[in-house]
Amino acid sequence: MTMKHLFVGLLASSVLTLAACNGASEKKSESDVHTETTVSNESNAASDQGTFSELFSHYQHLTFALSSDNDKEAANAAKGMLEALPKINTEGFSAEQKSTFDDIAADIQEHSEHIGDNIGNIAHQREHLVILSKDFYDITKEFGTEKPMYKIFCSMYDDNKGAYWLSDSKEVKNPYYGADMLTCGEVQEELK
């Protein structure tokens, strides 16, 4: 029985020693962690400054909400766009780009307000998505995009006049018809 205790004791001691050695090599001082976090946060802030990523994120949220027939989430997404617009840094824009952006931003603001104010009227929200999608297409063409976007066209919307939206996926989830015709549409263009 003593031999058994001795063996268990040696085994436990070996495990603790190995764990202590491994833990010591993986530990970082608090100042190292703070420095890494600060540098990481500063580089993220710098990379997001002047970009359209937050605005596009809210637009994607809007198209997803409408494809899910959710007028309340559509209104929330529109409010998010209104909050993201003034955060865009236009300092590096040329005079022509600044003018173009100001026109598009005014349009986005107007249509986002309509979508946000029309909970309970999803058809009206979808009408404003048509123009918003043109605005986002123009932004993508003028200023580029951080990741590929797809222009997806639904030929049946608005008495067969058709309308498009932008998506970060080739998968068709139609925001103009929702569950009625969720997969109605085709990729027309890839924007990079």
C-alpha atoms as a PDB file:
ATOM      1  CA  MET A   1       0.000   0.000   0.000  1.00  0.00           C
ATOM      2  CA  THR A   2       2.895   2.389   0.643  1.00  0.00           C
ATOM      3  CA  MET A   3       4.312   1.671  -2.771  1.00  0.00           C
ATOM      4  CA  LYS A   4       0.940   2.590  -4.276  1.00  0.00           C
ATOM      5  CA  HIS A   5       0.892   5.900  -2.348  1.00  0.00           C
ATOM      6  CA  LEU A   6       4.452   6.614  -3.403  1.00  0.00           C
ATOM      7  CA  PHE A   7       3.615   5.994  -7.069  1.00  0.00           C
ATOM      8  CA  VAL A   8       0.478   8.202  -6.950  1.00  0.00           C
ATOM      9  CA  GLY A   9       2.463  10.934  -5.189  1.00  0.00           C
ATOM     10  CA  LEU A  10       5.248  10.842  -7.815  1.00  0.00           C
ATOM     11  CA  LEU A  11       2.692  10.890 -10.633  1.00  0.00           C
ATOM     12  CA  ALA A  12       0.852  13.880  -9.159  1.00  0.00           C
ATOM     13  CA  SER A  13       4.137  15.699  -8.596  1.00  0.00           C
ATOM     14  CA  SER A  14       5.189  15.104 -12.234  1.00  0.00           C
ATOM     15  CA  VAL A  15       1.867  16.371 -13.553  1.00  0.00           C
ATOM     16  CA  LEU A  16       2.055  19.526 -11.408  1.00  0.00           C
ATOM     17  CA  THR A  17       5.634  20.189 -12.518  1.00  0.00           C
ATOM     18  CA  LEU A  18       4.730  19.819 -16.198  1.00  0.00           C
ATOM     19  CA  ALA A  19       1.672  22.043 -15.806  1.00  0.00           C
ATOM     20  CA  ALA A  20       3.731  24.711 -14.037  1.00  0.00           C
ATOM     21  CA  CYS A  21       6.397  24.651 -16.762  1.00  0.00           C
ATOM     22  CA  ASN A  22       3.843  24.897 -19.566  1.00  0.00           C
ATOM     23  CA  GLY A  23       1.915  27.655 -17.803  1.00  0.00           C
ATOM     24  CA  ALA A  24       5.081  29.694 -17.228  1.00  0.00           C
ATOM     25  CA  SER A  25       6.044  29.637 -20.899  1.00  0.00           C
ATOM     26  CA  GLU A  26       2.555  30.742 -21.995  1.00  0.00           C
ATOM     27  CA  LYS A  27       2.084  33.515 -19.425  1.00  0.00           C
ATOM     28  CA  LYS A  28       2.538  37.129 -20.462  1.00  0.00           C
ATOM     29  CA  SER A  29       3.046  40.034 -18.176  1.00  0.00           C
ATOM     30  CA  GLU A  30       0.154  42.461 -17.756  1.00  0.00           C
ATOM     31  CA  SER A  31       2.122  45.169 -19.570  1.00  0.00           C
ATOM     32  CA  ASP A  32       2.670  42.843 -22.583  1.00  0.00           C
ATOM     33  CA  VAL A  33      -1.058  42.083 -22.788  1.00  0.00           C
ATOM     34  CA  HIS A  34      -1.973  45.780 -22.376  1.00  0.00           C
ATOM     35  CA  THR A  35       0.508  46.802 -25.101  1.00  0.00           C
ATOM     36  CA  GLU A  36      -0.803  44.163 -27.524  1.00  0.00           C
ATOM     37  CA  THR A  37      -4.420  45.171 -26.845  1.00  0.00           C
ATOM     38  CA  THR A  38      -3.670  48.885 -27.265  1.00  0.00           C
ATOM     39  CA  VAL A  39      -1.785  48.351 -30.534  1.00  0.00           C
ATOM     40  CA  SER A  40      -4.535  46.055 -31.810  1.00  0.00           C
ATOM     41  CA  ASN A  41      -7.303  48.539 -30.920  1.00  0.00           C
ATOM     42  CA  GLU A  42      -5.392  51.438 -32.476  1.00  0.00           C
ATOM     43  CA  SER A  43      -4.824  49.553 -35.722  1.00  0.00           C
ATOM     44  CA  ASN A  44      -8.482  48.502 -35.853  1.00  0.00           C
ATOM     45  CA  ALA A  45      -9.597  52.088 -35.309  1.00  0.00           C
ATOM     46  CA  ALA A  46      -7.236  53.299 -38.022  1.00  0.00           C
ATOM     47  CA  SER A  47      -8.382  50.659 -40.499  1.00  0.00           C
ATOM     48  CA  ASP A  48     -12.075  51.425 -39.878  1.00  0.00           C
ATOM     49  CA  GLN A  49     -11.634  55.179 -40.140  1.00  0.00           C
ATOM     50  CA  GLY A  50     -12.993  56.503 -43.419  1.00  0.00           C
ATOM     51  CA  THR A  51     -14.408  53.166 -44.510  1.00  0.00           C
ATOM     52  CA  PHE A  52     -17.951  52.224 -45.335  1.00  0.00           C
ATOM     53  CA  SER A  53     -17.890  48.871 -43.509  1.00  0.00           C
ATOM     54  CA  GLU A  54     -20.294  49.850 -40.712  1.00  0.00           C
ATOM     55  CA  LEU A  55     -22.721  51.450 -43.178  1.00  0.00           C
ATOM     56  CA  PHE A  56     -22.636  48.346 -45.402  1.00  0.00           C
ATOM     57  CA  SER A  57     -23.143  46.134 -42.357  1.00  0.00           C
ATOM     58  CA  HIS A  58     -26.400  47.944 -41.544  1.00  0.00           C
ATOM     59  CA  TYR A  59     -27.474  47.763 -45.207  1.00  0.00           C
ATOM     60  CA  GLN A  60     -26.888  43.981 -45.150  1.00  0.00           C
ATOM     61  CA  HIS A  61     -28.918  43.812 -41.937  1.00  0.00           C
ATOM     62  CA  LEU A  62     -31.714  45.704 -43.716  1.00  0.00           C
ATOM     63  CA  THR A  63     -31.819  43.363 -46.712  1.00  0.00           C
ATOM     64  CA  PHE A  64     -31.760  40.332 -44.404  1.00  0.00           C
ATOM     65  CA  ALA A  65     -34.610  41.767 -42.284  1.00  0.00           C
ATOM     66  CA  LEU A  66     -36.736  42.447 -45.351  1.00  0.00           C
ATOM     67  CA  SER A  67     -36.008  38.997 -46.797  1.00  0.00           C
ATOM     68  CA  SER A  68     -37.261  37.643 -43.448  1.00  0.00           C
ATOM     69  CA  ASP A  69     -40.412  39.828 -43.654  1.00  0.00           C
ATOM     70  CA  ASN A  70     -39.355  41.616 -40.466  1.00  0.00           C
ATOM     71  CA  ASP A  71     -40.371  45.284 -40.659  1.00  0.00           C
ATOM     72  CA  LYS A  72     -39.188  46.056 -37.110  1.00  0.00           C
ATOM     73  CA  GLU A  73     -35.656  44.775 -37.756  1.00  0.00           C
ATOM     74  CA  ALA A  74     -35.661  46.660 -41.062  1.00  0.00           C
ATOM     75  CA  ALA A  75     -36.414  49.857 -39.116  1.00  0.00           C
ATOM     76  CA  ASN A  76     -33.580  49.071 -36.663  1.00  0.00           C
ATOM     77  CA  ALA A  77     -31.154  48.539 -39.539  1.00  0.00           C
ATOM     78  CA  ALA A  78     -32.205  51.834 -41.105  1.00  0.00           C
ATOM     79  CA  LYS A  79     -31.579  53.610 -37.808  1.00  0.00           C
ATOM     80  CA  GLY A  80     -28.140  51.979 -37.711  1.00  0.00           C
ATOM     81  CA  MET A  81     -27.391  53.437 -41.153  1.00  0.00           C
ATOM     82  CA  LEU A  82     -28.374  56.889 -39.891  1.00  0.00           C
ATOM     83  CA  GLU A  83     -25.923  56.502 -37.005  1.00  0.00           C
ATOM     84  CA  ALA A  84     -23.116  55.193 -39.258  1.00  0.00           C
ATOM     85  CA  LEU A  85     -23.327  57.925 -41.921  1.00  0.00           C
ATOM     86  CA  PRO A  86     -21.705  60.756 -39.930  1.00  0.00           C
ATOM     87  CA  LYS A  87     -18.862  58.445 -38.830  1.00  0.00           C
ATOM     88  CA  ILE A  88     -17.480  58.174 -42.363  1.00  0.00           C
ATOM     89  CA  ASN A  89     -14.239  60.114 -42.636  1.00  0.00           C
ATOM     90  CA  THR A  90     -14.241  62.091 -45.891  1.00  0.00           C
ATOM     91  CA  GLU A  91     -10.931  63.913 -45.294  1.00  0.00           C
ATOM     92  CA  GLY A  92      -9.069  61.911 -47.941  1.00  0.00           C
ATOM     93  CA  PHE A  93     -11.739  62.411 -50.610  1.00  0.00           C
ATOM     94  CA  SER A  94     -11.154  64.638 -53.612  1.00  0.00           C
ATOM     95  CA  ALA A  95     -13.575  67.571 -54.072  1.00  0.00           C
ATOM     96  CA  GLU A  96     -15.484  65.535 -56.655  1.00  0.00           C
ATOM     97  CA  GLN A  97     -15.654  62.456 -54.394  1.00  0.00           C
ATOM     98  CA  LYS A  98     -16.790  64.616 -51.475  1.00  0.00           C
ATOM     99  CA  SER A  99     -19.580  66.095 -53.602  1.00  0.00           C
ATOM    100  CA  THR A 100     -20.624  62.639 -54.832  1.00  0.00           C
ATOM    101  CA  PHE A 101     -20.595  61.259 -51.305  1.00  0.00           C
ATOM    102  CA  ASP A 102     -22.601  64.208 -49.928  1.00  0.00           C
ATOM    103  CA  ASP A 103     -25.320  63.603 -52.550  1.00  0.00           C
ATOM    104  CA  ILE A 104     -25.433  59.872 -51.840  1.00  0.00           C
ATOM    105  CA  ALA A 105     -25.373  60.418 -48.055  1.00  0.00           C
ATOM    106  CA  ALA A 106     -28.347  62.818 -48.259  1.00  0.00           C
ATOM    107  CA  ASP A 107     -30.253  60.200 -50.255  1.00  0.00           C
ATOM    108  CA  ILE A 108     -29.349  57.416 -47.813  1.00  0.00           C
ATOM    109  CA  GLN A 109     -30.465  59.579 -44.917  1.00  0.00           C
ATOM    110  CA  GLU A 110     -33.841  60.347 -46.510  1.00  0.00           C
ATOM    111  CA  HIS A 111     -34.637  56.740 -47.400  1.00  0.00           C
ATOM    112  CA  SER A 112     -33.329  55.356 -44.111  1.00  0.00           C
ATOM    113  CA  GLU A 113     -35.631  57.751 -42.256  1.00  0.00           C
ATOM    114  CA  HIS A 114     -38.615  56.519 -44.298  1.00  0.00           C
ATOM    115  CA  ILE A 115     -37.770  52.890 -43.590  1.00  0.00           C
ATOM    116  CA  GLY A 116     -37.237  53.608 -39.900  1.00  0.00           C
ATOM    117  CA  ASP A 117     -40.549  55.469 -39.628  1.00  0.00           C
ATOM    118  CA  ASN A 118     -42.642  52.817 -41.383  1.00  0.00           C
ATOM    119  CA  ILE A 119     -42.863  49.863 -39.035  1.00  0.00           C
ATOM    120  CA  GLY A 120     -46.007  48.019 -40.073  1.00  0.00           C
ATOM    121  CA  ASN A 121     -45.690  49.015 -43.749  1.00  0.00           C
ATOM    122  CA  ILE A 122     -43.114  46.624 -45.181  1.00  0.00           C
ATOM    123  CA  ALA A 123     -44.206  47.342 -48.772  1.00  0.00           C
ATOM    124  CA  HIS A 124     -43.230  50.990 -48.272  1.00  0.00           C
ATOM    125  CA  GLN A 125     -39.920  49.966 -46.680  1.00  0.00           C
ATOM    126  CA  ARG A 126     -39.195  47.799 -49.722  1.00  0.00           C
ATOM    127  CA  GLU A 127     -39.926  50.694 -52.090  1.00  0.00           C
ATOM    128  CA  HIS A 128     -37.210  52.702 -50.342  1.00  0.00           C
ATOM    129  CA  LEU A 129     -34.789  49.777 -50.526  1.00  0.00           C
ATOM    130  CA  VAL A 130     -34.810  50.139 -54.330  1.00  0.00           C
ATOM    131  CA  ILE A 131     -33.251  53.610 -54.133  1.00  0.00           C
ATOM    132  CA  LEU A 132     -30.990  52.708 -51.203  1.00  0.00           C
ATOM    133  CA  SER A 133     -29.604  49.816 -53.247  1.00  0.00           C
ATOM    134  CA  LYS A 134     -28.746  52.222 -56.074  1.00  0.00           C
ATOM    135  CA  ASP A 135     -26.980  54.453 -53.541  1.00  0.00           C
ATOM    136  CA  PHE A 136     -24.938  51.548 -52.178  1.00  0.00           C
ATOM    137  CA  TYR A 137     -24.111  50.432 -55.716  1.00  0.00           C
ATOM    138  CA  ASP A 138     -22.862  53.960 -56.473  1.00  0.00           C
ATOM    139  CA  ILE A 139     -20.741  53.970 -53.297  1.00  0.00           C
ATOM    140  CA  THR A 140     -19.210  50.646 -54.293  1.00  0.00           C
ATOM    141  CA  LYS A 141     -18.456  51.835 -57.816  1.00  0.00           C
ATOM    142  CA  GLU A 142     -17.021  55.205 -56.695  1.00  0.00           C
ATOM    143  CA  PHE A 143     -15.119  54.199 -53.559  1.00  0.00           C
ATOM    144  CA  GLY A 144     -14.575  50.454 -53.924  1.00  0.00           C
ATOM    145  CA  THR A 145     -15.415  47.727 -51.465  1.00  0.00           C
ATOM    146  CA  GLU A 146     -13.426  45.977 -48.750  1.00  0.00           C
ATOM    147  CA  LYS A 147     -14.781  42.565 -49.707  1.00  0.00           C
ATOM    148  CA  PRO A 148     -16.596  41.275 -52.796  1.00  0.00           C
ATOM    149  CA  MET A 149     -20.242  42.294 -53.129  1.00  0.00           C
ATOM    150  CA  TYR A 150     -22.812  40.849 -55.506  1.00  0.00           C
ATOM    151  CA  LYS A 151     -25.464  42.788 -57.378  1.00  0.00           C
ATOM    152  CA  ILE A 152     -28.522  40.534 -57.410  1.00  0.00           C
ATOM    153  CA  PHE A 153     -31.453  41.343 -59.689  1.00  0.00           C
ATOM    154  CA  CYS A 154     -35.108  40.359 -59.311  1.00  0.00           C
ATOM    155  CA  SER A 155     -36.885  40.894 -62.631  1.00  0.00           C
ATOM    156  CA  MET A 156     -40.389  40.442 -61.202  1.00  0.00           C
ATOM    157  CA  TYR A 157     -40.419  43.264 -58.627  1.00  0.00           C
ATOM    158  CA  ASP A 158     -42.519  46.381 -59.309  1.00  0.00           C
ATOM    159  CA  ASP A 159     -44.730  44.966 -62.072  1.00  0.00           C
ATOM    160  CA  ASN A 160     -41.783  43.335 -63.840  1.00  0.00           C
ATOM    161  CA  LYS A 161     -39.713  46.548 -63.918  1.00  0.00           C
ATOM    162  CA  GLY A 162     -37.268  44.756 -61.644  1.00  0.00           C
ATOM    163  CA  ALA A 163     -34.954  45.893 -58.892  1.00  0.00           C
ATOM    164  CA  TYR A 164     -31.607  44.851 -57.471  1.00  0.00           C
ATOM    165  CA  TRP A 165     -29.875  44.743 -54.132  1.00  0.00           C
ATOM    166  CA  LEU A 166     -26.317  44.141 -53.006  1.00  0.00           C
ATOM    167  CA  SER A 167     -25.232  41.148 -50.983  1.00  0.00           C
ATOM    168  CA  ASP A 168     -21.962  39.881 -49.566  1.00  0.00           C
ATOM    169  CA  SER A 169     -23.077  36.387 -50.616  1.00  0.00           C
ATOM    170  CA  LYS A 170     -24.088  34.828 -53.944  1.00  0.00           C
ATOM    171  CA  GLU A 171     -26.970  33.148 -52.136  1.00  0.00           C
ATOM    172  CA  VAL A 172     -30.269  34.735 -53.177  1.00  0.00           C
ATOM    173  CA  LYS A 173     -32.503  35.876 -50.312  1.00  0.00           C
ATOM    174  CA  ASN A 174     -34.915  38.298 -51.918  1.00  0.00           C
ATOM    175  CA  PRO A 175     -35.667  41.339 -49.743  1.00  0.00           C
ATOM    176  CA  TYR A 176     -38.421  42.543 -52.089  1.00  0.00           C
ATOM    177  CA  TYR A 177     -40.614  39.464 -51.708  1.00  0.00           C
ATOM    178  CA  GLY A 178     -39.413  37.737 -48.557  1.00  0.00           C
ATOM    179  CA  ALA A 179     -40.948  34.324 -47.935  1.00  0.00           C
ATOM    180  CA  ASP A 180     -43.303  34.681 -50.936  1.00  0.00           C
ATOM    181  CA  MET A 181     -40.403  34.369 -53.417  1.00  0.00           C
ATOM    182  CA  LEU A 182     -37.258  34.150 -51.331  1.00  0.00           C
ATOM    183  CA  THR A 183     -35.019  32.741 -54.072  1.00  0.00           C
ATOM    184  CA  CYS A 184     -36.257  34.957 -56.919  1.00  0.00           C
ATOM    185  CA  GLY A 185     -33.217  36.693 -58.371  1.00  0.00           C
ATOM    186  CA  GLU A 186     -29.889  36.185 -60.079  1.00  0.00           C
ATOM    187  CA  VAL A 187     -26.381  37.502 -59.604  1.00  0.00           C
ATOM    188  CA  GLN A 188     -25.744  40.150 -62.274  1.00  0.00           C
ATOM    189  CA  GLU A 189     -22.375  41.470 -61.231  1.00  0.00           C
ATOM    190  CA  GLU A 190     -19.540  40.886 -58.791  1.00  0.00           C
ATOM    191  CA  LEU A 191     -18.148  44.109 -57.328  1.00  0.00           C
ATOM    192  CA  LYS A 192     -14.591  44.175 -55.964  1.00  0.00           C
END
